[in-house]
Amino acid sequence: MESVVGTLVGALIGLIIGLVIIALVTLFFRWIWNMTMPEVFGIKALTFWQAFRVLLLASILFGGGTRVIERGHEVVTTDTIENAAN
């Protein structure tokens, strides 16, 4: 029972840390956008949720930095391919 509670607490802490990191990345993106784009291109500034949606859309469109290659029944990530080449 104690290991289940420990696992749940660890998962909750991991979830909170993940949400904080996502919020910080979104705030940083929003700050960079609002400092650059309105001045250079004359477009409107972003709110937090608009910046979050732009990052989410970019992650969907561009794969979020992770590529998966299927070889037969084996799934290989780009990290595995890079490590095998070295």
Protein backbone atom coordinates (compact mmCIF):
# COMPACT_ATOMS: atom_id res chain seq x y z
CA MET A 1 0.00 0.00 0.00
CA GLU A 2 2.84 2.38 0.84
CA SER A 3 4.44 1.88 -2.57
CA VAL A 4 1.15 2.77 -4.28
CA VAL A 5 0.90 5.99 -2.27
CA GLY A 6 4.53 6.78 -3.04
CA THR A 7 3.93 6.16 -6.73
CA LEU A 8 0.85 8.42 -6.71
CA VAL A 9 2.71 11.18 -4.89
CA GLY A 10 5.60 10.89 -7.35
CA ALA A 11 3.18 11.03 -10.30
CA LEU A 12 1.45 14.08 -8.83
CA ILE A 13 4.76 15.85 -8.28
CA GLY A 14 5.82 14.99 -11.83
CA LEU A 15 2.53 16.32 -13.20
CA ILE A 16 2.90 19.58 -11.28
CA ILE A 17 6.50 20.02 -12.45
CA GLY A 18 5.43 19.30 -16.04
CA LEU A 19 2.63 21.88 -15.87
CA VAL A 20 4.98 24.48 -14.40
CA ILE A 21 7.51 23.85 -17.19
CA ILE A 22 4.79 24.18 -19.84
CA ALA A 23 3.61 27.43 -18.26
CA LEU A 24 7.16 28.83 -18.13
CA VAL A 25 7.83 27.93 -21.78
CA THR A 26 4.53 29.54 -22.78
CA LEU A 27 5.32 32.69 -20.81
CA PHE A 28 8.78 32.88 -22.36
CA PHE A 29 7.34 32.40 -25.88
CA ARG A 30 4.68 35.04 -25.21
CA TRP A 31 7.29 37.50 -23.94
CA ILE A 32 9.56 36.96 -26.98
CA TRP A 33 6.58 37.24 -29.36
CA ASN A 34 5.24 40.41 -27.73
CA MET A 35 8.68 42.02 -27.70
CA THR A 36 9.36 41.27 -31.37
CA MET A 37 6.35 40.70 -33.60
CA PRO A 38 4.24 43.83 -32.93
CA GLU A 39 7.26 46.09 -33.41
CA VAL A 40 8.68 44.36 -36.49
CA PHE A 41 5.51 43.29 -38.30
CA GLY A 42 2.86 45.49 -36.69
CA ILE A 43 0.70 42.57 -35.50
CA LYS A 44 -1.18 42.24 -32.22
CA ALA A 45 0.35 40.98 -28.99
CA LEU A 46 -0.57 37.49 -27.73
CA THR A 47 -2.31 36.50 -24.51
CA PHE A 48 -1.08 33.52 -22.49
CA TRP A 49 -3.68 31.14 -23.96
CA GLN A 50 -3.03 32.32 -27.51
CA ALA A 51 0.69 31.68 -27.02
CA PHE A 52 -0.09 28.24 -25.59
CA ARG A 53 -2.25 27.38 -28.61
CA VAL A 54 0.44 28.56 -31.05
CA LEU A 55 3.02 26.35 -29.31
CA LEU A 56 0.60 23.42 -29.31
CA LEU A 57 -0.13 23.89 -33.00
CA ALA A 58 3.58 24.14 -33.81
CA SER A 59 4.22 20.95 -31.84
CA ILE A 60 1.52 19.12 -33.79
CA LEU A 61 2.66 20.43 -37.17
CA PHE A 62 6.39 19.99 -36.66
CA GLY A 63 6.42 16.87 -34.47
CA GLY A 64 7.63 18.39 -31.21
CA GLY A 65 11.25 17.47 -31.95
CA THR A 66 10.73 13.70 -31.85
CA ARG A 67 10.67 11.50 -34.92
CA VAL A 68 9.76 7.84 -34.87
CA ILE A 69 10.86 5.54 -37.67
CA GLU A 70 9.32 2.11 -38.06
CA ARG A 71 11.54 -0.74 -39.25
CA GLY A 72 9.40 -3.81 -39.70
CA HIS A 73 8.03 -4.54 -36.24
CA GLU A 74 10.70 -2.46 -34.50
CA VAL A 75 10.09 1.19 -33.60
CA VAL A 76 13.27 3.25 -33.59
CA THR A 77 13.64 6.85 -32.44
CA THR A 78 16.18 9.22 -33.94
CA ASP A 79 18.23 9.04 -30.72
CA THR A 80 18.72 5.30 -31.26
CA ILE A 81 19.86 5.87 -34.84
CA GLU A 82 22.29 8.62 -33.82
CA ASN A 83 23.77 6.47 -31.03
CA ALA A 84 24.16 3.50 -33.37
CA ALA A 85 26.06 5.66 -35.90
CA ASN A 86 28.67 6.61 -33.28
